C-alpha atoms as a PDB file:
ATOM      1  CA  MET A   1       0.000   0.000   0.000  1.00  0.00           C
ATOM      2  CA  SER A   2       1.488   3.314  -1.082  1.00  0.00           C
ATOM      3  CA  THR A   3       1.806   6.441   1.053  1.00  0.00           C
ATOM      4  CA  LEU A   4      -0.883   8.126  -1.043  1.00  0.00           C
ATOM      5  CA  ASP A   5      -3.271   5.215  -0.455  1.00  0.00           C
ATOM      6  CA  VAL A   6      -2.737   5.331   3.307  1.00  0.00           C
ATOM      7  CA  ASP A   7      -3.126   9.113   3.424  1.00  0.00           C
ATOM      8  CA  GLU A   8      -6.348   8.889   1.428  1.00  0.00           C
ATOM      9  CA  LEU A   9      -7.782   6.228   3.744  1.00  0.00           C
ATOM     10  CA  LEU A  10      -6.837   8.274   6.805  1.00  0.00           C
ATOM     11  CA  ARG A  11      -8.635  11.290   5.368  1.00  0.00           C
ATOM     12  CA  CYS A  12     -11.668   9.075   4.764  1.00  0.00           C
ATOM     13  CA  PHE A  13     -11.455   7.784   8.335  1.00  0.00           C
ATOM     14  CA  GLN A  14     -11.338  11.297   9.783  1.00  0.00           C
ATOM     15  CA  ARG A  15     -14.264  12.454   7.616  1.00  0.00           C
ATOM     16  CA  ARG A  16     -16.351   9.410   8.529  1.00  0.00           C
ATOM     17  CA  MET A  17     -15.684   9.965  12.233  1.00  0.00           C
ATOM     18  CA  ALA A  18     -16.788  13.598  11.860  1.00  0.00           C
ATOM     19  CA  TYR A  19     -19.901  12.551   9.889  1.00  0.00           C
ATOM     20  CA  CYS A  20     -20.721   9.982  12.576  1.00  0.00           C
ATOM     21  CA  ALA A  21     -20.650  12.582  15.354  1.00  0.00           C
ATOM     22  CA  ALA A  22     -22.538  15.157  13.272  1.00  0.00           C
ATOM     23  CA  THR A  23     -25.244  12.656  12.332  1.00  0.00           C
ATOM     24  CA  ARG A  24     -25.859  11.677  15.935  1.00  0.00           C
ATOM     25  CA  TRP A  25     -26.223  15.311  16.984  1.00  0.00           C
ATOM     26  CA  LEU A  26     -28.478  16.028  13.987  1.00  0.00           C
ATOM     27  CA  VAL A  27     -30.817  13.188  14.950  1.00  0.00           C
ATOM     28  CA  VAL A  28     -30.980  14.392  18.563  1.00  0.00           C
ATOM     29  CA  LEU A  29     -31.705  17.964  17.466  1.00  0.00           C
ATOM     30  CA  SER A  30     -34.328  16.773  14.968  1.00  0.00           C
ATOM     31  CA  ILE A  31     -36.155  14.787  17.646  1.00  0.00           C
ATOM     32  CA  ALA A  32     -36.055  17.805  19.961  1.00  0.00           C
ATOM     33  CA  ALA A  33     -37.360  20.013  17.150  1.00  0.00           C
ATOM     34  CA  ALA A  34     -40.249  17.601  16.539  1.00  0.00           C
ATOM     35  CA  PHE A  35     -41.526  18.331  20.027  1.00  0.00           C
ATOM     36  CA  ALA A  36     -40.872  22.055  19.726  1.00  0.00           C
ATOM     37  CA  ILE A  37     -42.744  22.701  16.473  1.00  0.00           C
ATOM     38  CA  PRO A  38     -45.148  25.598  17.041  1.00  0.00           C
ATOM     39  CA  GLY A  39     -48.749  24.921  16.060  1.00  0.00           C
ATOM     40  CA  PRO A  40     -51.887  27.015  15.727  1.00  0.00           C
ATOM     41  CA  PRO A  41     -52.997  28.954  18.794  1.00  0.00           C
ATOM     42  CA  ASP A  42     -55.712  26.395  19.522  1.00  0.00           C
ATOM     43  CA  GLY A  43     -53.152  23.568  19.335  1.00  0.00           C
ATOM     44  CA  SER A  44     -54.890  21.700  16.491  1.00  0.00           C
ATOM     45  CA  GLY A  45     -52.541  20.064  14.001  1.00  0.00           C
ATOM     46  CA  ALA A  46     -49.416  20.620  16.103  1.00  0.00           C
ATOM     47  CA  SER A  47     -49.300  17.058  17.388  1.00  0.00           C
ATOM     48  CA  ALA A  48     -49.874  15.613  13.891  1.00  0.00           C
ATOM     49  CA  LEU A  49     -47.038  17.664  12.419  1.00  0.00           C
ATOM     50  CA  ALA A  50     -44.727  16.671  15.266  1.00  0.00           C
ATOM     51  CA  ALA A  51     -45.639  13.012  14.780  1.00  0.00           C
ATOM     52  CA  ILE A  52     -44.899  13.175  11.032  1.00  0.00           C
ATOM     53  CA  TRP A  53     -41.568  14.880  11.713  1.00  0.00           C
ATOM     54  CA  LEU A  54     -40.654  12.289  14.364  1.00  0.00           C
ATOM     55  CA  VAL A  55     -41.569   9.348  12.116  1.00  0.00           C
ATOM     56  CA  ALA A  56     -39.451  10.816   9.294  1.00  0.00           C
ATOM     57  CA  VAL A  57     -36.465  11.190  11.632  1.00  0.00           C
ATOM     58  CA  LEU A  58     -36.820   7.641  12.957  1.00  0.00           C
ATOM     59  CA  LEU A  59     -37.116   6.211   9.441  1.00  0.00           C
ATOM     60  CA  GLY A  60     -33.984   8.089   8.427  1.00  0.00           C
ATOM     61  CA  TRP A  61     -32.189   6.745  11.499  1.00  0.00           C
ATOM     62  CA  LEU A  62     -33.309   3.205  10.669  1.00  0.00           C
ATOM     63  CA  LEU A  63     -31.930   3.565   7.145  1.00  0.00           C
ATOM     64  CA  LEU A  64     -28.592   4.756   8.549  1.00  0.00           C
ATOM     65  CA  VAL A  65     -28.499   1.791  10.932  1.00  0.00           C
ATOM     66  CA  ILE A  66     -29.084  -0.641   8.055  1.00  0.00           C
ATOM     67  CA  VAL A  67     -26.250   0.909   6.043  1.00  0.00           C
ATOM     68  CA  SER A  68     -23.986   0.890   9.111  1.00  0.00           C
ATOM     69  CA  VAL A  69     -24.708  -2.783   9.858  1.00  0.00           C
ATOM     70  CA  ARG A  70     -23.588  -3.683   6.345  1.00  0.00           C
ATOM     71  CA  THR A  71     -20.386  -1.724   6.907  1.00  0.00           C
ATOM     72  CA  ALA A  72     -19.858  -3.533  10.227  1.00  0.00           C
ATOM     73  CA  ARG A  73     -20.237  -6.902   8.476  1.00  0.00           C
ATOM     74  CA  THR A  74     -17.523  -5.907   6.007  1.00  0.00           C
ATOM     75  CA  ALA A  75     -15.302  -4.944   8.949  1.00  0.00           C
ATOM     76  CA  HIS A  76     -15.849  -8.368  10.541  1.00  0.00           C
ATOM     77  CA  LEU A  77     -14.964 -10.014   7.218  1.00  0.00           C
ATOM     78  CA  ALA A  78     -11.770  -7.963   7.031  1.00  0.00           C
ATOM     79  CA  SER A  79     -10.853  -9.079  10.551  1.00  0.00           C
ATOM     80  CA  ALA A  80     -11.333 -12.727   9.602  1.00  0.00           C
ATOM     81  CA  LEU A  81      -9.254 -12.334   6.441  1.00  0.00           C
ATOM     82  CA  LEU A  82      -6.503 -10.619   8.412  1.00  0.00           C
ATOM     83  CA  SER A  83      -6.393 -13.427  10.983  1.00  0.00           C
ATOM     84  CA  LEU A  84      -6.076 -15.940   8.127  1.00  0.00           C
ATOM     85  CA  GLY A  85      -3.140 -14.047   6.625  1.00  0.00           C
ATOM     86  CA  ARG A  86      -5.025 -13.065   3.456  1.00  0.00           C
ATOM     87  CA  LEU A  87      -3.655  -9.548   3.581  1.00  0.00           C
ATOM     88  CA  ASP A  88      -4.563  -8.365   0.078  1.00  0.00           C
ATOM     89  CA  GLU A  89      -8.211  -9.305   0.511  1.00  0.00           C
ATOM     90  CA  ALA A  90      -8.246  -7.813   4.005  1.00  0.00           C
ATOM     91  CA  GLU A  91      -6.821  -4.577   2.615  1.00  0.00           C
ATOM     92  CA  GLU A  92      -9.626  -4.316   0.054  1.00  0.00           C
ATOM     93  CA  ALA A  93     -12.279  -4.965   2.695  1.00  0.00           C
ATOM     94  CA  LEU A  94     -10.799  -2.417   5.102  1.00  0.00           C
ATOM     95  CA  ALA A  95     -10.611   0.203   2.347  1.00  0.00           C
ATOM     96  CA  ASP A  96     -14.317  -0.399   1.635  1.00  0.00           C
ATOM     97  CA  VAL A  97     -15.157   0.077   5.318  1.00  0.00           C
ATOM     98  CA  LEU A  98     -13.210   3.303   5.692  1.00  0.00           C
ATOM     99  CA  ARG A  99     -14.774   4.710   2.529  1.00  0.00           C
ATOM    100  CA  SER A 100     -18.292   3.759   3.641  1.00  0.00           C
ATOM    101  CA  PHE A 101     -20.652   5.556   5.991  1.00  0.00           C
ATOM    102  CA  SER A 102     -21.262   4.256   9.504  1.00  0.00           C
ATOM    103  CA  ILE A 103     -22.892   5.716  12.578  1.00  0.00           C
ATOM    104  CA  PHE A 104     -20.925   3.262  14.713  1.00  0.00           C
ATOM    105  CA  ARG A 105     -17.639   4.765  15.922  1.00  0.00           C
ATOM    106  CA  SER A 106     -16.516   1.308  17.039  1.00  0.00           C
ATOM    107  CA  THR A 107     -16.686  -0.008  13.464  1.00  0.00           C
ATOM    108  CA  LEU A 108     -14.512   2.796  12.120  1.00  0.00           C
ATOM    109  CA  LEU A 109     -12.015   2.558  14.973  1.00  0.00           C
ATOM    110  CA  ARG A 110     -11.760  -1.219  14.648  1.00  0.00           C
ATOM    111  CA  ALA A 111     -11.221  -0.996  10.884  1.00  0.00           C
ATOM    112  CA  SER A 112      -8.487   1.621  11.251  1.00  0.00           C
ATOM    113  CA  GLN A 113      -6.803  -0.448  13.974  1.00  0.00           C
ATOM    114  CA  GLN A 114      -6.855  -3.474  11.680  1.00  0.00           C
ATOM    115  CA  LEU A 115      -5.371  -1.349   8.894  1.00  0.00           C
ATOM    116  CA  GLY A 116      -2.469  -0.474  11.178  1.00  0.00           C
ATOM    117  CA  THR A 117      -2.067  -4.138  12.118  1.00  0.00           C
ATOM    118  CA  LEU A 118      -2.032  -5.097   8.432  1.00  0.00           C
ATOM    119  CA  LEU A 119       0.665  -2.528   7.642  1.00  0.00           C
ATOM    120  CA  HIS A 120       2.681  -3.737  10.635  1.00  0.00           C
ATOM    121  CA  ALA A 121       2.418  -7.326   9.356  1.00  0.00           C
ATOM    122  CA  ARG A 122       3.781  -6.141   5.996  1.00  0.00           C
ATOM    123  CA  GLN A 123       6.714  -4.458   7.739  1.00  0.00           C
ATOM    124  CA  GLU A 124       5.444  -1.047   6.608  1.00  0.00           C
ATOM    125  CA  HIS A 125       6.123   0.382  10.040  1.00  0.00           C
ATOM    126  CA  GLY A 126       6.202   4.051   9.098  1.00  0.00           C
ATOM    127  CA  GLN A 127       2.766   3.829   7.521  1.00  0.00           C
ATOM    128  CA  ALA A 128       1.416   1.870  10.485  1.00  0.00           C
ATOM    129  CA  VAL A 129       2.617   4.590  12.873  1.00  0.00           C
ATOM    130  CA  LYS A 130       0.665   7.209  10.899  1.00  0.00           C
ATOM    131  CA  VAL A 131      -2.481   5.104  11.239  1.00  0.00           C
ATOM    132  CA  PHE A 132      -2.037   4.543  14.976  1.00  0.00           C
ATOM    133  CA  GLN A 133      -1.424   8.255  15.580  1.00  0.00           C
ATOM    134  CA  ALA A 134      -4.577   9.148  13.630  1.00  0.00           C
ATOM    135  CA  ILE A 135      -6.594   6.728  15.779  1.00  0.00           C
ATOM    136  CA  LEU A 136      -5.204   8.242  18.971  1.00  0.00           C
ATOM    137  CA  ARG A 137      -6.199  11.726  17.847  1.00  0.00           C
ATOM    138  CA  SER A 138      -9.747  10.489  17.273  1.00  0.00           C
ATOM    139  CA  VAL A 139      -9.882   8.671  20.615  1.00  0.00           C
ATOM    140  CA  ARG A 140      -8.611  11.708  22.516  1.00  0.00           C
ATOM    141  CA  SER A 141     -11.134  13.979  20.800  1.00  0.00           C
ATOM    142  CA  GLY A 142     -14.043  11.835  21.999  1.00  0.00           C
ATOM    143  CA  LEU A 143     -16.168  12.730  24.996  1.00  0.00           C
ATOM    144  CA  HIS A 144     -14.869   9.666  26.826  1.00  0.00           C
ATOM    145  CA  ARG A 145     -11.328   8.464  26.207  1.00  0.00           C
ATOM    146  CA  GLN A 146     -11.332   4.762  25.491  1.00  0.00           C
ATOM    147  CA  ARG A 147      -8.453   3.720  27.712  1.00  0.00           C
ATOM    148  CA  SER A 148      -8.325   0.077  26.680  1.00  0.00           C
ATOM    149  CA  LEU A 149      -8.195   0.949  22.971  1.00  0.00           C
ATOM    150  CA  GLU A 150      -5.685   3.731  23.566  1.00  0.00           C
ATOM    151  CA  ALA A 151      -3.366   1.400  25.476  1.00  0.00           C
ATOM    152  CA  ALA A 152      -3.476  -1.254  22.726  1.00  0.00           C
ATOM    153  CA  ILE A 153      -2.867   1.326  19.994  1.00  0.00           C
ATOM    154  CA  ARG A 154       0.047   2.887  21.861  1.00  0.00           C
ATOM    155  CA  LEU A 155       1.701  -0.495  22.371  1.00  0.00           C
ATOM    156  CA  MET A 156       1.371  -1.383  18.678  1.00  0.00           C
ATOM    157  CA  TRP A 157       2.790   2.023  17.802  1.00  0.00           C
ATOM    158  CA  ALA A 158       5.732   1.409  20.151  1.00  0.00           C
ATOM    159  CA  ASP A 159       6.304  -2.014  18.577  1.00  0.00           C
ATOM    160  CA  CYS A 160       6.579  -0.365  15.152  1.00  0.00           C
ATOM    161  CA  GLU A 161       9.082   2.170  16.463  1.00  0.00           C
ATOM    162  CA  LEU A 162      11.173  -0.589  18.032  1.00  0.00           C
ATOM    163  CA  ALA A 163      11.142  -2.494  14.739  1.00  0.00           C
ATOM    164  CA  VAL A 164      12.941   0.412  13.056  1.00  0.00           C
ATOM    165  CA  GLY A 165      15.216   1.088  16.041  1.00  0.00           C
ATOM    166  CA  ASN A 166      13.596   4.357  17.103  1.00  0.00           C
ATOM    167  CA  LEU A 167      13.879   4.109  20.890  1.00  0.00           C
ATOM    168  CA  THR A 168      12.799   7.702  21.481  1.00  0.00           C
ATOM    169  CA  GLY A 169       9.646   7.215  19.429  1.00  0.00           C
ATOM    170  CA  ALA A 170       8.910   3.927  21.190  1.00  0.00           C
ATOM    171  CA  TYR A 171       9.222   5.503  24.631  1.00  0.00           C
ATOM    172  CA  GLU A 172       7.002   8.407  23.589  1.00  0.00           C
ATOM    173  CA  ALA A 173       4.423   5.895  22.375  1.00  0.00           C
ATOM    174  CA  PHE A 174       4.119   3.652  25.420  1.00  0.00           C
ATOM    175  CA  ARG A 175       5.075   6.005  28.279  1.00  0.00           C
ATOM    176  CA  PRO A 176       1.448   7.192  28.862  1.00  0.00           C
ATOM    177  CA  VAL A 177       0.373   3.552  29.256  1.00  0.00           C
ATOM    178  CA  TYR A 178       1.955   3.493  32.714  1.00  0.00           C
ATOM    179  CA  THR A 179      -0.581   6.087  33.923  1.00  0.00           C
ATOM    180  CA  MET A 180      -3.540   3.933  32.842  1.00  0.00           C
ATOM    181  CA  ARG A 181      -5.340   1.205  34.728  1.00  0.00           C
ATOM    182  CA  LEU A 182      -4.471  -1.842  32.636  1.00  0.00           C
ATOM    183  CA  GLY A 183      -6.384  -5.077  32.328  1.00  0.00           C
ATOM    184  CA  LEU A 184      -4.727  -8.432  31.836  1.00  0.00           C
ATOM    185  CA  SER A 185      -4.823  -8.240  28.030  1.00  0.00           C
ATOM    186  CA  GLU A 186      -3.070  -4.845  28.024  1.00  0.00           C
ATOM    187  CA  ARG A 187      -0.457  -6.077  30.515  1.00  0.00           C
ATOM    188  CA  LEU A 188       0.271  -9.028  28.229  1.00  0.00           C
ATOM    189  CA  LEU A 189       0.738  -6.618  25.322  1.00  0.00           C
ATOM    190  CA  LEU A 190       2.968  -4.335  27.387  1.00  0.00           C
ATOM    191  CA  LEU A 191       5.372  -7.011  28.637  1.00  0.00           C
ATOM    192  CA  PRO A 192       7.213  -7.871  25.366  1.00  0.00           C
ATOM    193  CA  VAL A 193       7.271  -4.234  24.231  1.00  0.00           C
ATOM    194  CA  GLU A 194       8.718  -3.086  27.554  1.00  0.00           C
ATOM    195  CA  LEU A 195      11.348  -5.837  27.529  1.00  0.00           C
ATOM    196  CA  ARG A 196      12.404  -5.069  23.954  1.00  0.00           C
ATOM    197  CA  TYR A 197      12.765  -1.406  24.816  1.00  0.00           C
ATOM    198  CA  ASP A 198      14.738  -2.025  28.017  1.00  0.00           C
ATOM    199  CA  LEU A 199      17.138  -4.418  26.315  1.00  0.00           C
ATOM    200  CA  ALA A 200      17.654  -2.127  23.322  1.00  0.00           C
ATOM    201  CA  ALA A 201      18.263   0.818  25.651  1.00  0.00           C
ATOM    202  CA  GLY A 202      20.716  -1.167  27.812  1.00  0.00           C
ATOM    203  CA  HIS A 203      18.454  -1.268  30.884  1.00  0.00           C
ATOM    204  CA  ALA A 204      19.024  -4.946  31.678  1.00  0.00           C
ATOM    205  CA  ARG A 205      18.592  -4.529  35.423  1.00  0.00           C
ATOM    206  CA  HIS A 206      15.228  -2.827  34.965  1.00  0.00           C
ATOM    207  CA  ALA A 207      14.148  -5.539  32.520  1.00  0.00           C
ATOM    208  CA  ALA A 208      15.031  -8.213  35.075  1.00  0.00           C
ATOM    209  CA  GLY A 209      13.122  -6.465  37.857  1.00  0.00           C
ATOM    210  CA  ASN A 210       9.909  -7.950  39.266  1.00  0.00           C
ATOM    211  CA  LEU A 211      10.972 -11.189  37.602  1.00  0.00           C
ATOM    212  CA  ALA A 212       8.427 -13.535  39.183  1.00  0.00           C
ATOM    213  CA  GLU A 213       5.473 -11.418  38.030  1.00  0.00           C
ATOM    214  CA  LYS A 214       6.881 -11.150  34.503  1.00  0.00           C
ATOM    215  CA  ILE A 215       7.325 -14.921  34.324  1.00  0.00           C
ATOM    216  CA  ARG A 216       3.713 -15.435  35.434  1.00  0.00           C
ATOM    217  CA  LEU A 217       2.517 -13.099  32.684  1.00  0.00           C
ATOM    218  CA  ALA A 218       4.778 -14.745  30.107  1.00  0.00           C
ATOM    219  CA  GLU A 219       3.257 -18.139  30.890  1.00  0.00           C
ATOM    220  CA  LEU A 220      -0.142 -16.791  29.805  1.00  0.00           C
ATOM    221  CA  LEU A 221       1.086 -15.940  26.308  1.00  0.00           C
ATOM    222  CA  GLU A 222       0.892 -18.230  23.308  1.00  0.00           C
ATOM    223  CA  SER A 223       3.901 -20.498  22.901  1.00  0.00           C
ATOM    224  CA  PRO A 224       5.894 -18.453  20.317  1.00  0.00           C
ATOM    225  CA  GLN A 225       5.414 -15.249  22.305  1.00  0.00           C
ATOM    226  CA  ALA A 226       6.121 -17.009  25.591  1.00  0.00           C
ATOM    227  CA  ALA A 227       9.368 -18.394  24.176  1.00  0.00           C
ATOM    228  CA  SER A 228      10.407 -14.933  22.985  1.00  0.00           C
ATOM    229  CA  VAL A 229       9.616 -13.278  26.332  1.00  0.00           C
ATOM    230  CA  HIS A 230      11.466 -15.969  28.307  1.00  0.00           C
ATOM    231  CA  ALA A 231      14.468 -15.538  25.998  1.00  0.00           C
ATOM    232  CA  MET A 232      14.424 -11.755  26.550  1.00  0.00           C
ATOM    233  CA  LEU A 233      14.158 -12.246  30.303  1.00  0.00           C
ATOM    234  CA  ALA A 234      17.126 -14.629  30.157  1.00  0.00           C
ATOM    235  CA  GLU A 235      19.134 -11.996  28.274  1.00  0.00           C
ATOM    236  CA  ALA A 236      18.147  -9.385  30.853  1.00  0.00           C
ATOM    237  CA  CYS A 237      19.220 -11.652  33.715  1.00  0.00           C
ATOM    238  CA  ARG A 238      22.615 -12.249  32.080  1.00  0.00           C
ATOM    239  CA  GLY A 239      23.080  -8.509  31.716  1.00  0.00           C
ATOM    240  CA  ALA A 240      22.043  -7.951  35.331  1.00  0.00           C
ATOM    241  CA  GLY A 241      24.504 -10.527  36.682  1.00  0.00           C
ATOM    242  CA  MET A 242      21.922 -13.230  37.461  1.00  0.00           C
ATOM    243  CA  PRO A 243      23.352 -16.351  35.733  1.00  0.00           C
ATOM    244  CA  VAL A 244      21.228 -18.906  37.602  1.00  0.00           C
ATOM    245  CA  GLN A 245      17.972 -17.197  36.633  1.00  0.00           C
ATOM    246  CA  ALA A 246      19.239 -16.713  33.084  1.00  0.00           C
ATOM    247  CA  GLU A 247      19.946 -20.438  32.687  1.00  0.00           C
ATOM    248  CA  PHE A 248      16.519 -21.325  34.076  1.00  0.00           C
ATOM    249  CA  LEU A 249      14.780 -18.929  31.685  1.00  0.00           C
ATOM    250  CA  GLU A 250      16.742 -20.213  28.697  1.00  0.00           C
ATOM    251  CA  ARG A 251      15.553 -23.746  29.460  1.00  0.00           C
ATOM    252  CA  ARG A 252      11.980 -22.437  29.759  1.00  0.00           C
ATOM    253  CA  ALA A 253      12.291 -20.685  26.396  1.00  0.00           C
ATOM    254  CA  CYS A 254      13.436 -23.944  24.793  1.00  0.00           C
ATOM    255  CA  LEU A 255      10.404 -25.745  26.218  1.00  0.00           C
ATOM    256  CA  TYR A 256       8.057 -23.220  24.642  1.00  0.00           C
ATOM    257  CA  ARG A 257       9.642 -23.483  21.219  1.00  0.00           C
ATOM    258  CA  THR A 258       7.701 -25.969  19.083  1.00  0.00           C
ATOM    259  CA  PRO A 259      10.100 -28.658  17.852  1.00  0.00           C
ATOM    260  CA  GLU A 260      10.059 -29.394  14.170  1.00  0.00           C
ATOM    261  CA  SER A 261       8.188 -32.608  13.458  1.00  0.00           C
ATOM    262  CA  PRO A 262      10.342 -35.359  11.865  1.00  0.00           C
ATOM    263  CA  ALA A 263       7.413 -36.308   9.638  1.00  0.00           C
ATOM    264  CA  ALA A 264       7.217 -32.794   8.266  1.00  0.00           C
ATOM    265  CA  THR A 265      10.823 -32.921   7.020  1.00  0.00           C
ATOM    266  CA  THR A 266      10.409 -36.126   5.066  1.00  0.00           C
END
C-alpha cells in the first residue's frame, strides 16, 4: 500500500468519524425540534405535524443503521481475512469500510486499527505509525477516552518504532500507558514491548526487575510469544549478573519453542 493510499484512507477515516458525530447530533436535534414545532394557537394540528416529523427522523435513522450494519459486516470479514493471513483481501475490505458511511464509531475505529495491524504485518512500520497516531487523535477527541483501545494502539505504535530502532519514538508511544489502569490483556501486550525497549536501551537490570510477576505473565502468552519473552528475560538476567535465573529462563524458552516434526521434514 502506497503512502498516497494510506493518506487517502486516513482522510476518509477522519471524515467518517466527523460525519458519525454530526449525524448523531443532527438526529438528537431533529427529535427535539419535533416536540418544539409551534402549532396554531388552539393547538390543532401541532401534534400531527410533530408526529410526522418524528416518524421521518426515525425512518432516516433506521436507514442509517441498516447501512452501518452492512459496513460492520464488512469490517468483521476484514478481521477474519486478516487473521487468516489473506492480507490483500483484508486490505480491500478495510478500504471499503473506511470509505463507507457508519454511525458506529466502534466499526470505524476497529477498521483503522486493523489497517495499522495489516501494515505492521507487511513491515510497513512508518505507515502503520501514521495510522495509529490518527486513531489516537480520534480517541482523545471523543467525549470519553477509550483507555483500553488507547493502550493497545500505543503499544502497537511502540512495537513499530522498536522495529525500526527508534527508541525515542517507542518511549514516547508507550510512556502514557503506565498512567492507565491496565487489564490483563493490556499487561500481556505491554510485557514484550517493555522488555524489547529495556534491552535495546541497555536497561538490563530494569528488565530483570519484578521477575516472578513477569514470568507469570509470560506463561499466559501463546507459545511463540512465551518463548520470545522468556528468551528476553534470560538476556536481561545475564546482563544484570543473574546467571542462575538466566539459565533457568533459557531452558523455559526452549520448552516453549515448538520442535520441528520429523514427519514434516520427510
